[in-house]
Amino acid sequence: LFACTNQHAISVHKFYTAECPPEYTFKDHSGKVRCIQWLDDDSGFISGGWDGAVCQWNLHPKQGDPKDGQEKEANPQYKFSLKNVNFSCVANKPDIKTTFYAVGTDKSIKEIENGKEKLRFEAGVNISQLVTMNGARAFFAGVAEDDKPGSIQVLRYPWEKVFEV
């Protein structure tokens, strides 16, 4: 499978046939979707957008039976929103499906767990990309600073700047 965006919608396609079944179209963003990150087990993905929202989606949500008192599983499973922030990158925490990281125009990295902000690291610079290292003990961050060329920084978790390349 592969995912792509068209404005505020996300379509997941079958790789060999390029089919996009109706249940593989995901709409909850009100602005452009800027980034998608698949979960490690491919059961879903995380999306971030210019609408200030980060969503965690399940590819196959449980279809509860109202006769048995079961409710249909919500999709997105989790949604985190901030006003006046455009998210540029999301990264998942390896082996933990309910925790992920998001960066945006507010110059900070947010750790989001079950749809709620758990920690925040004020980087003080624009971070365009974020990649977690194995075990999420450190991150690679693509950084843009005024009047300087772009750089890659390594951030140790819990967050502190280790070195800049």
N, C-alpha and C. Protein backbone atom coordinates (compact mmCIF):
# COMPACT_ATOMS: atom_id res chain seq x y z
N LEU A 1 0.84 -1.19 0.00
CA LEU A 1 0.00 0.00 0.00
C LEU A 1 0.87 1.24 0.00
N PHE A 2 0.35 2.32 -0.56
CA PHE A 2 1.01 3.61 -0.44
C PHE A 2 -0.06 4.68 -0.26
N ALA A 3 0.32 5.77 0.39
CA ALA A 3 -0.62 6.84 0.70
C ALA A 3 -0.20 8.12 -0.02
N CYS A 4 -1.18 8.89 -0.44
CA CYS A 4 -0.91 10.19 -1.04
C CYS A 4 -2.03 11.15 -0.64
N THR A 5 -1.76 12.42 -0.81
CA THR A 5 -2.73 13.43 -0.40
C THR A 5 -3.22 14.22 -1.61
N ASN A 6 -4.42 14.73 -1.48
CA ASN A 6 -4.98 15.66 -2.44
C ASN A 6 -5.72 16.70 -1.62
N GLN A 7 -5.05 17.82 -1.39
CA GLN A 7 -5.56 18.89 -0.53
C GLN A 7 -5.74 18.36 0.90
N HIS A 8 -6.98 18.18 1.35
CA HIS A 8 -7.23 17.78 2.73
C HIS A 8 -7.61 16.30 2.88
N ALA A 9 -7.58 15.54 1.80
CA ALA A 9 -7.93 14.12 1.84
C ALA A 9 -6.68 13.25 1.66
N ILE A 10 -6.72 12.06 2.23
CA ILE A 10 -5.63 11.09 2.10
C ILE A 10 -6.21 9.84 1.44
N SER A 11 -5.54 9.38 0.40
CA SER A 11 -5.96 8.17 -0.30
C SER A 11 -4.87 7.12 -0.15
N VAL A 12 -5.27 5.92 0.21
CA VAL A 12 -4.33 4.80 0.31
C VAL A 12 -4.62 3.88 -0.87
N HIS A 13 -3.59 3.61 -1.65
CA HIS A 13 -3.72 2.81 -2.87
C HIS A 13 -3.00 1.48 -2.72
N LYS A 14 -3.53 0.48 -3.44
CA LYS A 14 -2.85 -0.80 -3.53
C LYS A 14 -1.70 -0.63 -4.53
N PHE A 15 -0.54 -1.06 -4.15
CA PHE A 15 0.67 -0.78 -4.93
C PHE A 15 0.62 -1.35 -6.34
N TYR A 16 0.27 -2.60 -6.51
CA TYR A 16 0.35 -3.24 -7.83
C TYR A 16 -0.78 -2.85 -8.77
N THR A 17 -1.96 -2.57 -8.24
CA THR A 17 -3.11 -2.26 -9.09
C THR A 17 -3.47 -0.78 -9.09
N ALA A 18 -2.93 -0.02 -8.14
CA ALA A 18 -3.24 1.40 -7.96
C ALA A 18 -4.69 1.65 -7.56
N GLU A 19 -5.41 0.59 -7.19
CA GLU A 19 -6.79 0.74 -6.74
C GLU A 19 -6.82 1.51 -5.42
N CYS A 20 -7.90 2.26 -5.25
CA CYS A 20 -8.13 2.95 -3.98
C CYS A 20 -9.56 2.64 -3.54
N PRO A 21 -9.75 1.59 -2.75
CA PRO A 21 -11.09 1.26 -2.27
C PRO A 21 -11.68 2.43 -1.47
N PRO A 22 -12.99 2.60 -1.48
CA PRO A 22 -13.61 3.72 -0.77
C PRO A 22 -13.25 3.79 0.72
N GLU A 23 -13.06 2.62 1.36
CA GLU A 23 -12.71 2.62 2.78
C GLU A 23 -11.27 3.06 3.02
N TYR A 24 -10.51 3.27 1.97
CA TYR A 24 -9.12 3.73 2.08
C TYR A 24 -8.99 5.21 1.75
N THR A 25 -10.08 5.95 1.83
CA THR A 25 -10.03 7.40 1.70
C THR A 25 -10.33 8.00 3.07
N PHE A 26 -9.42 8.85 3.52
CA PHE A 26 -9.50 9.39 4.88
C PHE A 26 -9.63 10.90 4.83
N LYS A 27 -10.69 11.42 5.45
CA LYS A 27 -10.96 12.86 5.43
C LYS A 27 -11.29 13.33 6.84
N ASP A 28 -10.45 14.17 7.38
CA ASP A 28 -10.78 14.83 8.64
C ASP A 28 -10.03 16.14 8.76
N HIS A 29 -9.03 16.34 7.91
CA HIS A 29 -8.30 17.61 7.92
C HIS A 29 -9.13 18.67 7.22
N SER A 30 -9.05 19.89 7.72
CA SER A 30 -9.76 21.00 7.06
C SER A 30 -8.80 21.83 6.21
N GLY A 31 -7.50 21.54 6.29
CA GLY A 31 -6.50 22.22 5.46
C GLY A 31 -5.64 21.19 4.77
N LYS A 32 -4.67 21.65 4.02
CA LYS A 32 -3.79 20.75 3.27
C LYS A 32 -3.04 19.80 4.20
N VAL A 33 -2.99 18.53 3.80
CA VAL A 33 -2.20 17.54 4.53
C VAL A 33 -0.76 17.69 4.06
N ARG A 34 0.15 17.86 4.98
CA ARG A 34 1.54 18.15 4.66
C ARG A 34 2.45 16.93 4.81
N CYS A 35 2.08 15.97 5.67
CA CYS A 35 2.97 14.84 5.91
C CYS A 35 2.18 13.61 6.34
N ILE A 36 2.75 12.45 6.00
CA ILE A 36 2.18 11.16 6.36
C ILE A 36 3.32 10.28 6.84
N GLN A 37 3.11 9.56 7.93
CA GLN A 37 4.11 8.62 8.46
C GLN A 37 3.39 7.33 8.81
N TRP A 38 3.79 6.22 8.17
CA TRP A 38 3.20 4.92 8.45
C TRP A 38 3.65 4.42 9.82
N LEU A 39 2.77 3.71 10.51
CA LEU A 39 3.13 3.04 11.76
C LEU A 39 4.04 1.87 11.43
N ASP A 40 4.85 1.46 12.38
CA ASP A 40 5.82 0.38 12.16
C ASP A 40 5.17 -0.92 11.69
N ASP A 41 3.97 -1.21 12.17
CA ASP A 41 3.32 -2.47 11.80
C ASP A 41 2.37 -2.32 10.61
N ASP A 42 2.37 -1.16 9.96
CA ASP A 42 1.54 -0.87 8.79
C ASP A 42 0.04 -0.97 9.04
N SER A 43 -0.38 -0.91 10.30
CA SER A 43 -1.80 -0.97 10.61
C SER A 43 -2.49 0.36 10.42
N GLY A 44 -1.73 1.41 10.21
CA GLY A 44 -2.29 2.74 10.03
C GLY A 44 -1.18 3.75 9.82
N PHE A 45 -1.51 5.01 9.95
CA PHE A 45 -0.54 6.08 9.71
C PHE A 45 -0.92 7.32 10.50
N ILE A 46 0.02 8.26 10.54
CA ILE A 46 -0.18 9.54 11.20
C ILE A 46 -0.09 10.61 10.13
N SER A 47 -0.95 11.61 10.19
CA SER A 47 -0.91 12.70 9.22
C SER A 47 -0.85 14.03 9.96
N GLY A 48 -0.18 14.98 9.36
CA GLY A 48 -0.12 16.34 9.90
C GLY A 48 -0.47 17.32 8.81
N GLY A 49 -1.13 18.41 9.19
CA GLY A 49 -1.58 19.34 8.17
C GLY A 49 -1.42 20.79 8.52
N TRP A 50 -1.70 21.59 7.53
CA TRP A 50 -1.62 23.04 7.69
C TRP A 50 -2.84 23.59 8.40
N ASP A 51 -3.73 22.72 8.83
CA ASP A 51 -4.90 23.13 9.60
C ASP A 51 -4.65 23.07 11.10
N GLY A 52 -3.40 22.74 11.49
CA GLY A 52 -3.05 22.64 12.90
C GLY A 52 -3.45 21.33 13.53
N ALA A 53 -3.74 20.32 12.70
CA ALA A 53 -4.18 19.02 13.22
C ALA A 53 -3.17 17.93 12.90
N VAL A 54 -3.03 17.01 13.85
CA VAL A 54 -2.27 15.78 13.66
C VAL A 54 -3.24 14.65 14.00
N CYS A 55 -3.38 13.70 13.05
CA CYS A 55 -4.35 12.61 13.23
C CYS A 55 -3.65 11.27 13.14
N GLN A 56 -4.12 10.33 13.93
CA GLN A 56 -3.65 8.96 13.83
C GLN A 56 -4.80 8.13 13.29
N TRP A 57 -4.55 7.47 12.17
CA TRP A 57 -5.58 6.72 11.45
C TRP A 57 -5.34 5.22 11.56
N ASN A 58 -6.42 4.46 11.61
CA ASN A 58 -6.36 3.01 11.59
C ASN A 58 -6.84 2.56 10.22
N LEU A 59 -6.06 1.74 9.51
CA LEU A 59 -6.47 1.26 8.19
C LEU A 59 -7.72 0.40 8.25
N HIS A 60 -7.86 -0.38 9.30
CA HIS A 60 -8.98 -1.31 9.41
C HIS A 60 -9.67 -1.12 10.77
N PRO A 61 -10.44 -0.03 10.93
CA PRO A 61 -11.11 0.17 12.22
C PRO A 61 -12.14 -0.93 12.46
N LYS A 62 -12.35 -1.25 13.72
CA LYS A 62 -13.31 -2.29 14.07
C LYS A 62 -14.72 -1.78 13.77
N GLN A 63 -15.49 -2.62 13.12
CA GLN A 63 -16.87 -2.28 12.77
C GLN A 63 -17.78 -2.91 13.82
N GLY A 64 -18.06 -2.18 14.89
CA GLY A 64 -18.88 -2.72 15.97
C GLY A 64 -20.30 -3.03 15.54
N ASP A 65 -20.92 -3.95 16.21
CA ASP A 65 -22.30 -4.34 15.93
C ASP A 65 -23.20 -3.72 17.01
N PRO A 66 -24.05 -2.75 16.63
CA PRO A 66 -24.92 -2.10 17.62
C PRO A 66 -25.82 -3.09 18.36
N LYS A 67 -26.16 -4.22 17.72
CA LYS A 67 -27.00 -5.23 18.38
C LYS A 67 -26.30 -5.82 19.60
N ASP A 68 -24.98 -5.91 19.53
CA ASP A 68 -24.19 -6.46 20.63
C ASP A 68 -23.72 -5.38 21.60
N GLY A 69 -24.16 -4.14 21.39
CA GLY A 69 -23.74 -3.04 22.24
C GLY A 69 -22.33 -2.53 21.95
N GLN A 70 -21.78 -2.94 20.81
CA GLN A 70 -20.44 -2.49 20.43
C GLN A 70 -20.56 -1.27 19.52
N GLU A 71 -19.69 -0.33 19.75
CA GLU A 71 -19.66 0.86 18.91
C GLU A 71 -18.61 0.72 17.82
N LYS A 72 -18.84 1.41 16.72
CA LYS A 72 -17.87 1.45 15.63
C LYS A 72 -16.66 2.24 16.12
N GLU A 73 -15.47 1.74 15.81
CA GLU A 73 -14.24 2.42 16.22
C GLU A 73 -14.08 3.73 15.45
N ALA A 74 -13.73 4.79 16.15
CA ALA A 74 -13.57 6.10 15.52
C ALA A 74 -12.34 6.12 14.63
N ASN A 75 -12.43 6.88 13.54
CA ASN A 75 -11.28 7.10 12.68
C ASN A 75 -11.31 8.56 12.26
N PRO A 76 -10.39 9.39 12.60
CA PRO A 76 -9.11 9.03 13.19
C PRO A 76 -9.25 8.56 14.64
N GLN A 77 -8.33 7.66 15.03
CA GLN A 77 -8.34 7.17 16.40
C GLN A 77 -8.04 8.29 17.37
N TYR A 78 -7.04 9.11 17.02
CA TYR A 78 -6.66 10.24 17.85
C TYR A 78 -6.48 11.46 16.97
N LYS A 79 -6.87 12.61 17.52
CA LYS A 79 -6.68 13.86 16.81
C LYS A 79 -6.18 14.90 17.80
N PHE A 80 -5.11 15.57 17.42
CA PHE A 80 -4.50 16.61 18.25
C PHE A 80 -4.51 17.88 17.41
N SER A 81 -4.97 18.99 17.97
CA SER A 81 -5.05 20.24 17.21
C SER A 81 -4.46 21.41 18.00
N LEU A 82 -3.80 22.29 17.27
CA LEU A 82 -3.31 23.56 17.82
C LEU A 82 -3.68 24.67 16.85
N LYS A 83 -4.15 25.78 17.39
CA LYS A 83 -4.47 26.93 16.54
C LYS A 83 -3.19 27.63 16.12
N ASN A 84 -3.19 28.17 14.93
CA ASN A 84 -2.08 28.98 14.38
C ASN A 84 -0.78 28.21 14.25
N VAL A 85 -0.83 26.88 14.07
CA VAL A 85 0.36 26.07 13.84
C VAL A 85 0.14 25.26 12.58
N ASN A 86 1.12 25.27 11.69
CA ASN A 86 1.11 24.42 10.51
C ASN A 86 2.11 23.30 10.75
N PHE A 87 1.66 22.06 10.72
CA PHE A 87 2.55 20.94 10.97
C PHE A 87 3.26 20.53 9.68
N SER A 88 4.58 20.35 9.77
CA SER A 88 5.37 20.00 8.59
C SER A 88 5.87 18.57 8.60
N CYS A 89 5.92 17.93 9.76
CA CYS A 89 6.45 16.57 9.83
C CYS A 89 5.93 15.87 11.09
N VAL A 90 5.66 14.59 10.95
CA VAL A 90 5.30 13.75 12.08
C VAL A 90 6.21 12.52 12.07
N ALA A 91 6.48 11.98 13.24
CA ALA A 91 7.32 10.78 13.37
C ALA A 91 6.71 9.93 14.46
N ASN A 92 6.72 8.62 14.25
CA ASN A 92 6.14 7.75 15.27
C ASN A 92 7.22 7.24 16.21
N LYS A 93 6.80 6.90 17.41
CA LYS A 93 7.71 6.31 18.39
C LYS A 93 7.75 4.81 18.10
N PRO A 94 8.92 4.26 17.82
CA PRO A 94 9.00 2.84 17.45
C PRO A 94 8.35 1.94 18.49
N ASP A 95 7.57 1.00 18.01
CA ASP A 95 6.92 -0.05 18.82
C ASP A 95 5.82 0.46 19.75
N ILE A 96 5.49 1.73 19.69
CA ILE A 96 4.40 2.25 20.53
C ILE A 96 3.44 2.97 19.59
N LYS A 97 2.29 2.35 19.34
CA LYS A 97 1.36 2.86 18.33
C LYS A 97 0.62 4.12 18.74
N THR A 98 0.59 4.44 20.02
CA THR A 98 -0.22 5.58 20.46
C THR A 98 0.61 6.81 20.79
N THR A 99 1.92 6.78 20.53
CA THR A 99 2.78 7.92 20.82
C THR A 99 3.50 8.34 19.54
N PHE A 100 3.47 9.64 19.26
CA PHE A 100 4.17 10.15 18.09
C PHE A 100 4.63 11.58 18.35
N TYR A 101 5.42 12.10 17.43
CA TYR A 101 6.02 13.43 17.56
C TYR A 101 5.61 14.28 16.38
N ALA A 102 5.46 15.58 16.61
CA ALA A 102 5.07 16.49 15.54
C ALA A 102 5.85 17.78 15.65
N VAL A 103 6.23 18.32 14.49
CA VAL A 103 6.92 19.62 14.43
C VAL A 103 6.15 20.53 13.49
N GLY A 104 6.22 21.81 13.79
CA GLY A 104 5.50 22.77 12.96
C GLY A 104 6.08 24.16 13.06
N THR A 105 5.29 25.12 12.68
CA THR A 105 5.74 26.50 12.61
C THR A 105 5.92 27.17 13.96
N ASP A 106 5.59 26.50 15.05
CA ASP A 106 5.79 27.09 16.38
C ASP A 106 7.18 26.81 16.94
N LYS A 107 8.07 26.22 16.11
CA LYS A 107 9.48 25.98 16.46
C LYS A 107 9.64 25.07 17.68
N SER A 108 8.77 24.07 17.79
CA SER A 108 8.88 23.12 18.90
C SER A 108 8.57 21.71 18.42
N ILE A 109 9.02 20.74 19.20
CA ILE A 109 8.69 19.34 18.97
C ILE A 109 7.70 18.94 20.05
N LYS A 110 6.60 18.37 19.63
CA LYS A 110 5.58 17.95 20.58
C LYS A 110 5.53 16.42 20.62
N GLU A 111 5.55 15.85 21.81
CA GLU A 111 5.31 14.42 21.98
C GLU A 111 3.83 14.26 22.31
N ILE A 112 3.14 13.51 21.47
CA ILE A 112 1.69 13.36 21.60
C ILE A 112 1.39 11.90 21.92
N GLU A 113 0.66 11.70 22.99
CA GLU A 113 0.30 10.35 23.43
C GLU A 113 -1.21 10.28 23.57
N ASN A 114 -1.83 9.32 22.90
CA ASN A 114 -3.29 9.14 22.93
C ASN A 114 -4.02 10.44 22.60
N GLY A 115 -3.49 11.21 21.67
CA GLY A 115 -4.15 12.44 21.22
C GLY A 115 -3.95 13.65 22.10
N LYS A 116 -3.12 13.54 23.14
CA LYS A 116 -2.87 14.67 24.05
C LYS A 116 -1.38 14.97 24.12
N GLU A 117 -1.04 16.25 24.20
CA GLU A 117 0.36 16.64 24.29
C GLU A 117 0.93 16.21 25.64
N LYS A 118 2.03 15.47 25.59
CA LYS A 118 2.66 14.96 26.81
C LYS A 118 3.89 15.79 27.16
N LEU A 119 4.74 16.07 26.18
CA LEU A 119 5.96 16.86 26.37
C LEU A 119 6.14 17.83 25.21
N ARG A 120 6.90 18.89 25.47
CA ARG A 120 7.22 19.85 24.41
C ARG A 120 8.66 20.29 24.57
N PHE A 121 9.38 20.31 23.46
CA PHE A 121 10.76 20.80 23.42
C PHE A 121 10.78 22.05 22.56
N GLU A 122 11.13 23.18 23.16
CA GLU A 122 11.21 24.45 22.44
C GLU A 122 12.56 24.50 21.74
N ALA A 123 12.58 24.25 20.44
CA ALA A 123 13.83 24.22 19.68
C ALA A 123 14.33 25.61 19.36
N GLY A 124 13.44 26.57 19.21
CA GLY A 124 13.84 27.94 18.90
C GLY A 124 14.20 28.15 17.44
N VAL A 125 14.11 27.10 16.62
CA VAL A 125 14.38 27.19 15.18
C VAL A 125 13.31 26.39 14.44
N ASN A 126 13.16 26.71 13.16
CA ASN A 126 12.22 25.96 12.34
C ASN A 126 12.77 24.56 12.06
N ILE A 127 12.00 23.55 12.37
CA ILE A 127 12.37 22.16 12.08
C ILE A 127 11.45 21.70 10.96
N SER A 128 12.06 21.27 9.85
CA SER A 128 11.25 20.84 8.72
C SER A 128 11.04 19.34 8.68
N GLN A 129 12.01 18.58 9.18
CA GLN A 129 11.93 17.12 9.18
C GLN A 129 12.40 16.58 10.52
N LEU A 130 11.82 15.45 10.91
CA LEU A 130 12.17 14.82 12.17
C LEU A 130 12.14 13.31 11.95
N VAL A 131 13.22 12.63 12.33
CA VAL A 131 13.31 11.18 12.20
C VAL A 131 13.75 10.62 13.53
N THR A 132 13.05 9.60 14.01
CA THR A 132 13.42 8.97 15.27
C THR A 132 14.47 7.89 15.02
N MET A 133 15.44 7.82 15.90
CA MET A 133 16.42 6.74 15.85
C MET A 133 15.83 5.54 16.56
N ASN A 134 16.42 4.39 16.39
CA ASN A 134 15.94 3.16 17.00
C ASN A 134 15.76 3.34 18.51
N GLY A 135 14.59 3.03 19.00
CA GLY A 135 14.31 3.17 20.42
C GLY A 135 13.92 4.57 20.83
N ALA A 136 13.90 5.52 19.90
CA ALA A 136 13.55 6.92 20.16
C ALA A 136 14.42 7.54 21.25
N ARG A 137 15.69 7.14 21.30
CA ARG A 137 16.62 7.74 22.27
C ARG A 137 17.21 9.04 21.74
N ALA A 138 17.08 9.24 20.43
CA ALA A 138 17.57 10.47 19.81
C ALA A 138 16.82 10.69 18.51
N PHE A 139 16.92 11.91 18.00
CA PHE A 139 16.24 12.31 16.78
C PHE A 139 17.22 13.00 15.85
N PHE A 140 17.00 12.86 14.56
CA PHE A 140 17.65 13.70 13.57
C PHE A 140 16.63 14.76 13.19
N ALA A 141 17.04 16.01 13.21
CA ALA A 141 16.13 17.11 12.90
C ALA A 141 16.72 17.96 11.78
N GLY A 142 15.95 18.18 10.72
CA GLY A 142 16.33 19.10 9.66
C GLY A 142 15.95 20.50 10.10
N VAL A 143 16.95 21.40 10.16
CA VAL A 143 16.75 22.72 10.77
C VAL A 143 17.03 23.82 9.75
N ALA A 144 16.23 24.88 9.82
CA ALA A 144 16.45 26.06 8.99
C ALA A 144 16.51 27.28 9.91
N GLU A 145 17.62 28.00 9.85
CA GLU A 145 17.78 29.21 10.64
C GLU A 145 17.97 30.39 9.71
N ASP A 146 17.51 31.57 10.12
CA ASP A 146 17.67 32.77 9.31
C ASP A 146 19.14 33.05 9.05
N ASP A 147 19.47 33.42 7.82
CA ASP A 147 20.81 33.81 7.40
C ASP A 147 21.86 32.72 7.57
N LYS A 148 21.44 31.45 7.62
CA LYS A 148 22.37 30.33 7.71
C LYS A 148 21.89 29.24 6.76
N PRO A 149 22.84 28.43 6.25
CA PRO A 149 22.38 27.29 5.44
C PRO A 149 21.69 26.27 6.34
N GLY A 150 20.90 25.40 5.74
CA GLY A 150 20.21 24.37 6.52
C GLY A 150 21.19 23.44 7.19
N SER A 151 20.75 22.79 8.25
CA SER A 151 21.62 21.88 8.97
C SER A 151 20.81 20.70 9.49
N ILE A 152 21.53 19.69 9.92
CA ILE A 152 20.92 18.54 10.58
C ILE A 152 21.42 18.53 12.01
N GLN A 153 20.50 18.47 12.94
CA GLN A 153 20.88 18.42 14.34
C GLN A 153 20.48 17.06 14.92
N VAL A 154 21.27 16.60 15.86
CA VAL A 154 20.93 15.38 16.59
C VAL A 154 20.46 15.83 17.97
N LEU A 155 19.26 15.40 18.33
CA LEU A 155 18.67 15.77 19.61
C LEU A 155 18.52 14.51 20.45
N ARG A 156 19.08 14.50 21.63
CA ARG A 156 18.97 13.37 22.55
C ARG A 156 17.61 13.45 23.24
N TYR A 157 17.03 12.30 23.51
CA TYR A 157 15.76 12.27 24.22
C TYR A 157 15.98 11.70 25.61
N PRO A 158 15.51 12.31 26.68
CA PRO A 158 14.79 13.57 26.72
C PRO A 158 15.63 14.68 26.09
N TRP A 159 14.95 15.63 25.50
CA TRP A 159 15.54 16.52 24.53
C TRP A 159 16.66 17.40 25.04
N GLU A 160 17.75 17.35 24.29
CA GLU A 160 18.84 18.31 24.40
C GLU A 160 19.63 18.20 23.11
N LYS A 161 20.21 19.30 22.69
CA LYS A 161 20.98 19.32 21.45
C LYS A 161 22.32 18.65 21.69
N VAL A 162 22.67 17.66 20.86
CA VAL A 162 23.93 16.95 21.01
C VAL A 162 24.99 17.57 20.12
N PHE A 163 24.73 17.61 18.81
CA PHE A 163 25.65 18.30 17.90
C PHE A 163 24.93 18.63 16.61
N GLU A 164 25.57 19.49 15.83
CA GLU A 164 25.01 19.99 14.59
C GLU A 164 25.97 19.67 13.46
N VAL A 165 25.41 19.23 12.32
CA VAL A 165 26.22 18.90 11.15
C VAL A 165 26.09 20.00 10.12
